[in-house]
Every structure is written in C-alpha cells, then in structure tokens.
Amino acid sequence: MSDQKANLEWRDGAVPVSTRFDDPYFSLENGLAETRHVFLAGNNLPARFSPGFHIAELGFGTGLNLLTTWAAWDASGQTTPLRFTSFEGFPMSADEMARALEAFPSLAEYARRLVAAWAEDNTLATLDGIEARVVIGDARETLPAQDWQADAWFLDGFSPAKNPELWDADLIQQVGQHTKPDGTAATYTAAGFVRRNIEAAGFDVTRVPGYGRKRHMTTARKRT
C-alpha cells in the first residue's frame, strides 16, 4: 500500500494544485459544473441510475466526483446506497480535503460526512449512506486484484501529459475488463493515445464537446 501523500499548493487560496503533477484537482472555472458535464452527463447519469449501480473511478482526489454523484443519486429518488469504488495513489489529508471542498457550499453536508469518515479511515469504511471504498496505492497493482465489473467509470487522473501512469494501455485494459457489457466510461481528456487505449480495451469511443475552455472530451461504451 502506498504511504505517499498528496503534495499541494493552493491557487487563489482555494484550488488545490498537485506539485507532483503540476495540475489542479478540479476546474479553475467551476469544478462542480465540470464534474456534472464530464462524468455525470458523459456517462448518461442520473438517467441510468438503478439499484446496485456501481461507479468506479481512477483518481479520488478531493472526493468532489463522489460527492457530486452521491447528491445526484439521492436527488434521483434512489432508496438504496450507491456503490462507488475509487483508486488513489497519493491521498490528501482530511484538513486538505475539507479546505478544498469549501469551494462547493451546495455539497457542504455531504462534504462534512466525507471528511469525517476520511479522517477516521481513508478507505471510507465508516462512511454511511453510500457504499463507498477508496483503494489506496498504485492502481496498476490494485485494480487487477478486484473481482467486480462496474456500470460506469470516471477516468480522472491528472493530465495524461503529466501523469501518464494512469492512462497507460495495460491499466486501461484493466478498466475494460472491470466494466460490464454496455457499461460506460468518460474522461475530460481527448488525447489521442488515451482514446486509442480505451478503444483497444473494448470500448466504442466518441469525442464530444468538453467543459469550458476544453474543446473536446471522451465518452466510451463497452462493446458487448
């Protein structure tokens, strides 16, 4: 298990930036709107929500994607817990997470619960109301050990140019193997090698309009 921590600096006092990867954790414009555009809309959510629905994610970061999805799940009228599994190599501290999530007051109640559980156990074993798990360590080692297939993937590592390990062909193959037939994936990047790796992992890949200043992003559907 990795014991490496996130190395952060703060842009404008509010946006955490990884000094390891020289990349912000969420959009400098509107991180919540970006998450909704890229990961929810990109996976046709919440329309696809159903009991037992399982989302998996590469790159837990601040937990913003989990909170955004959790709120959407509750708002959609689901009465059973969402299942959410995320992989994180460099976890931030609970204090850092709390500071980052202050940028999203509409998610404050969810954030309070997340930060409290994260402070106790950063696998989120104690978080109530959602069946969440964060797998700490190198996803290239930890994902192959999993025995499930997800309905949807959020591919949210740092920029492929700066964090190529989370986008390499072998890891994306594992994403494909851990996706149900007709399952989906979405990512903010439209880098050519990423799209090729996703396609080679068994997905039909589409380039669609990105969020804000990003012209394009990628959505994908697992071939049956």
Protein backbone atom coordinates (compact mmCIF):
# COMPACT_ATOMS: atom_id res chain seq x y z
CA MET A 1 0.00 0.00 0.00
CA SER A 2 1.28 3.45 -0.89
CA ASP A 3 2.13 5.70 2.03
CA GLN A 4 2.81 8.65 -0.26
CA LYS A 5 0.72 11.73 0.35
CA ALA A 6 -0.55 14.45 -1.92
CA ASN A 7 1.83 17.39 -2.28
CA LEU A 8 -0.29 20.52 -2.61
CA GLU A 9 -0.14 24.23 -3.18
CA TRP A 10 -3.22 26.44 -3.25
CA ARG A 11 -4.15 28.65 -6.18
CA ASP A 12 -6.12 31.75 -5.20
CA GLY A 13 -6.25 30.26 -1.73
CA ALA A 14 -8.97 27.82 -2.75
CA VAL A 15 -7.99 25.47 -5.60
CA PRO A 16 -5.58 22.65 -4.66
CA VAL A 17 -2.81 22.04 -7.20
CA SER A 18 -0.64 18.94 -7.17
CA THR A 19 3.01 19.96 -7.13
CA ARG A 20 3.91 16.38 -8.06
CA PHE A 21 1.94 16.58 -11.31
CA ASP A 22 1.70 20.37 -11.71
CA ASP A 23 -2.05 20.11 -12.27
CA PRO A 24 -5.13 21.37 -10.39
CA TYR A 25 -7.53 18.90 -8.78
CA PHE A 26 -10.57 20.49 -10.36
CA SER A 27 -11.52 23.15 -12.88
CA LEU A 28 -10.36 26.65 -12.01
CA GLU A 29 -13.64 27.90 -13.53
CA ASN A 30 -16.28 25.70 -11.87
CA GLY A 31 -15.27 22.28 -10.66
CA LEU A 32 -18.80 21.20 -9.80
CA ALA A 33 -20.17 22.11 -13.23
CA GLU A 34 -17.22 20.33 -14.86
CA THR A 35 -17.87 17.14 -12.87
CA ARG A 36 -21.53 17.20 -13.86
CA HIS A 37 -20.67 17.75 -17.53
CA VAL A 38 -17.82 15.28 -17.85
CA PHE A 39 -18.64 12.43 -15.51
CA LEU A 40 -22.40 12.54 -14.99
CA ALA A 41 -23.55 13.63 -18.44
CA GLY A 42 -20.62 11.77 -20.03
CA ASN A 43 -21.96 8.52 -18.56
CA ASN A 44 -25.63 9.42 -19.16
CA LEU A 45 -26.28 9.86 -15.45
CA PRO A 46 -28.50 10.10 -13.49
CA ALA A 47 -30.78 8.59 -16.19
CA ARG A 48 -29.06 5.19 -15.84
CA PHE A 49 -29.18 5.02 -12.04
CA SER A 50 -30.77 1.84 -10.70
CA PRO A 51 -30.47 -0.23 -7.52
CA GLY A 52 -26.99 -1.74 -7.23
CA PHE A 53 -25.45 0.69 -9.73
CA HIS A 54 -21.64 0.67 -9.41
CA ILE A 55 -19.35 3.54 -10.38
CA ALA A 56 -15.57 3.11 -10.40
CA GLU A 57 -13.02 5.88 -10.64
CA LEU A 58 -9.33 6.40 -11.28
CA GLY A 59 -8.21 9.35 -9.17
CA PHE A 60 -10.19 10.10 -5.99
CA GLY A 61 -8.53 13.46 -5.33
CA THR A 62 -10.69 15.75 -3.22
CA GLY A 63 -13.71 13.45 -3.38
CA LEU A 64 -15.64 16.01 -5.45
CA ASN A 65 -16.79 13.43 -8.01
CA LEU A 66 -18.10 11.15 -5.27
CA LEU A 67 -19.98 14.00 -3.58
CA THR A 68 -21.48 15.26 -6.83
CA THR A 69 -22.65 11.77 -7.77
CA TRP A 70 -23.93 10.98 -4.28
CA ALA A 71 -26.05 14.15 -4.29
CA ALA A 72 -27.40 13.32 -7.76
CA TRP A 73 -28.18 9.76 -6.62
CA ASP A 74 -30.16 10.99 -3.64
CA ALA A 75 -31.95 13.63 -5.73
CA SER A 76 -32.96 11.00 -8.29
CA GLY A 77 -35.06 9.21 -5.69
CA GLN A 78 -32.95 6.09 -5.29
CA THR A 79 -33.55 4.42 -1.92
CA THR A 80 -30.62 2.00 -1.83
CA PRO A 81 -26.98 3.08 -1.46
CA LEU A 82 -24.88 3.95 -4.49
CA ARG A 83 -21.78 1.77 -4.88
CA PHE A 84 -18.67 3.85 -5.61
CA THR A 85 -15.11 2.47 -5.79
CA SER A 86 -12.17 4.80 -6.36
CA PHE A 87 -8.41 4.34 -6.72
CA GLU A 88 -5.98 6.90 -5.29
CA GLY A 89 -2.19 6.78 -5.19
CA PHE A 90 -1.48 9.99 -3.28
CA PRO A 91 -4.21 10.72 -0.71
CA MET A 92 -4.56 14.19 0.73
CA SER A 93 -5.16 14.81 4.42
CA ALA A 94 -8.61 15.35 5.87
CA ASP A 95 -7.78 19.01 6.55
CA GLU A 96 -6.70 19.49 2.94
CA MET A 97 -9.86 17.79 1.69
CA ALA A 98 -12.05 19.96 3.91
CA ARG A 99 -10.33 23.13 2.67
CA ALA A 100 -10.71 22.12 -0.98
CA LEU A 101 -14.38 21.22 -0.63
CA GLU A 102 -15.23 24.59 0.93
CA ALA A 103 -15.40 25.78 -2.69
CA PHE A 104 -18.68 23.85 -3.10
CA PRO A 105 -21.15 25.07 -0.46
CA SER A 106 -24.09 23.27 -2.10
CA LEU A 107 -22.36 19.98 -1.19
CA ALA A 108 -21.43 21.05 2.35
CA GLU A 109 -23.48 18.43 4.21
CA TYR A 110 -22.12 15.60 2.08
CA ALA A 111 -18.61 17.02 2.39
CA ARG A 112 -18.84 17.12 6.18
CA ARG A 113 -19.73 13.43 6.26
CA LEU A 114 -16.99 12.53 3.78
CA VAL A 115 -14.25 14.43 5.59
CA ALA A 116 -15.22 12.93 8.96
CA ALA A 117 -15.08 9.40 7.56
CA TRP A 118 -11.83 10.14 5.66
CA ALA A 119 -10.20 11.35 8.88
CA GLU A 120 -11.11 8.04 10.56
CA ASP A 121 -10.18 5.72 7.69
CA ASN A 122 -9.27 6.84 4.18
CA THR A 123 -10.68 3.68 2.68
CA LEU A 124 -14.06 5.22 3.72
CA ALA A 125 -15.05 2.10 5.62
CA THR A 126 -17.01 4.22 8.11
CA LEU A 127 -18.93 6.42 5.63
CA ASP A 128 -22.69 5.89 5.98
CA GLY A 129 -25.29 6.45 3.28
CA ILE A 130 -23.20 5.27 0.35
CA GLU A 131 -21.33 2.04 -0.31
CA ALA A 132 -18.01 3.76 -0.94
CA ARG A 133 -14.49 2.39 -0.95
CA VAL A 134 -11.20 4.07 -1.80
CA VAL A 135 -8.35 1.73 -2.70
CA ILE A 136 -5.08 3.39 -1.74
CA GLY A 137 -2.00 2.56 -3.79
CA ASP A 138 -0.88 2.23 -7.40
CA ALA A 139 -3.95 1.38 -9.48
CA ARG A 140 -1.77 -0.61 -11.87
CA GLU A 141 -1.29 -3.05 -8.98
CA THR A 142 -4.60 -2.73 -7.11
CA LEU A 143 -7.17 -2.74 -9.94
CA PRO A 144 -6.21 -6.19 -11.31
CA ALA A 145 -6.94 -7.66 -7.86
CA GLN A 146 -10.60 -6.55 -7.95
CA ASP A 147 -13.31 -9.10 -8.73
CA TRP A 148 -16.16 -6.85 -9.92
CA GLN A 149 -17.31 -5.08 -13.06
CA ALA A 150 -18.59 -1.51 -12.87
CA ASP A 151 -21.51 0.05 -14.71
CA ALA A 152 -19.63 3.31 -15.30
CA TRP A 153 -16.07 4.63 -14.97
CA PHE A 154 -14.82 8.11 -14.16
CA LEU A 155 -11.30 8.38 -15.60
CA ASP A 156 -9.99 11.37 -13.67
CA GLY A 157 -6.25 11.10 -13.30
CA PHE A 158 -4.10 14.18 -13.70
CA SER A 159 -3.27 15.35 -17.22
CA PRO A 160 -2.06 12.46 -19.43
CA ALA A 161 1.00 14.52 -20.33
CA LYS A 162 1.92 14.85 -16.63
CA ASN A 163 0.53 11.61 -15.13
CA PRO A 164 0.88 9.01 -17.93
CA GLU A 165 0.82 6.09 -15.48
CA LEU A 166 -2.95 6.39 -15.00
CA TRP A 167 -3.55 6.34 -18.76
CA ASP A 168 -1.25 3.56 -19.95
CA ALA A 169 -2.55 0.76 -22.13
CA ASP A 170 -2.24 -2.00 -19.54
CA LEU A 171 -4.22 -0.09 -16.90
CA ILE A 172 -6.92 0.92 -19.38
CA GLN A 173 -7.14 -2.77 -20.40
CA GLN A 174 -7.92 -3.49 -16.75
CA VAL A 175 -10.61 -0.80 -16.83
CA GLY A 176 -12.14 -2.61 -19.80
CA GLN A 177 -12.02 -5.96 -18.03
CA HIS A 178 -13.69 -4.38 -15.00
CA THR A 179 -16.58 -2.88 -16.99
CA LYS A 180 -19.90 -4.61 -17.63
CA PRO A 181 -21.00 -5.13 -21.25
CA ASP A 182 -22.69 -1.88 -22.35
CA GLY A 183 -21.03 -0.14 -19.40
CA THR A 184 -19.57 3.29 -19.98
CA ALA A 185 -16.57 5.47 -19.28
CA ALA A 186 -15.94 9.20 -19.51
CA THR A 187 -12.94 11.48 -19.16
CA TYR A 188 -12.15 15.15 -19.61
CA THR A 189 -9.23 14.36 -21.93
CA ALA A 190 -9.37 13.79 -25.67
CA ALA A 191 -5.68 12.92 -26.04
CA GLY A 192 -5.22 10.61 -28.99
CA PHE A 193 -3.28 7.91 -27.18
CA VAL A 194 -5.88 7.81 -24.41
CA ARG A 195 -8.72 7.37 -26.90
CA ARG A 196 -6.77 4.64 -28.69
CA ASN A 197 -6.07 2.82 -25.42
CA ILE A 198 -9.75 2.98 -24.43
CA GLU A 199 -10.82 1.66 -27.82
CA ALA A 200 -8.27 -1.16 -27.63
CA ALA A 201 -9.72 -2.09 -24.21
CA GLY A 202 -13.04 -2.99 -25.82
CA PHE A 203 -14.93 0.29 -25.98
CA ASP A 204 -16.59 2.27 -28.74
CA VAL A 205 -15.13 5.75 -28.27
CA THR A 206 -16.71 9.12 -29.05
CA ARG A 207 -15.16 12.59 -28.91
CA VAL A 208 -17.71 15.11 -27.62
CA PRO A 209 -17.64 18.78 -26.55
CA GLY A 210 -15.67 19.38 -23.38
CA TYR A 211 -16.35 21.69 -20.47
CA GLY A 212 -15.48 25.36 -20.55
CA ARG A 213 -12.28 26.07 -22.42
CA LYS A 214 -11.67 22.39 -23.15
CA ARG A 215 -12.88 21.85 -26.70
CA HIS A 216 -13.26 18.08 -26.51
CA MET A 217 -13.60 15.21 -24.04
CA THR A 218 -14.11 11.47 -24.44
CA THR A 219 -17.02 9.13 -23.78
CA ALA A 220 -16.99 5.39 -24.33
CA ARG A 221 -19.31 2.39 -24.27
CA LYS A 222 -18.13 -1.17 -23.68
CA ARG A 223 -18.82 -3.41 -26.63
CA THR A 224 -20.97 -6.47 -25.92
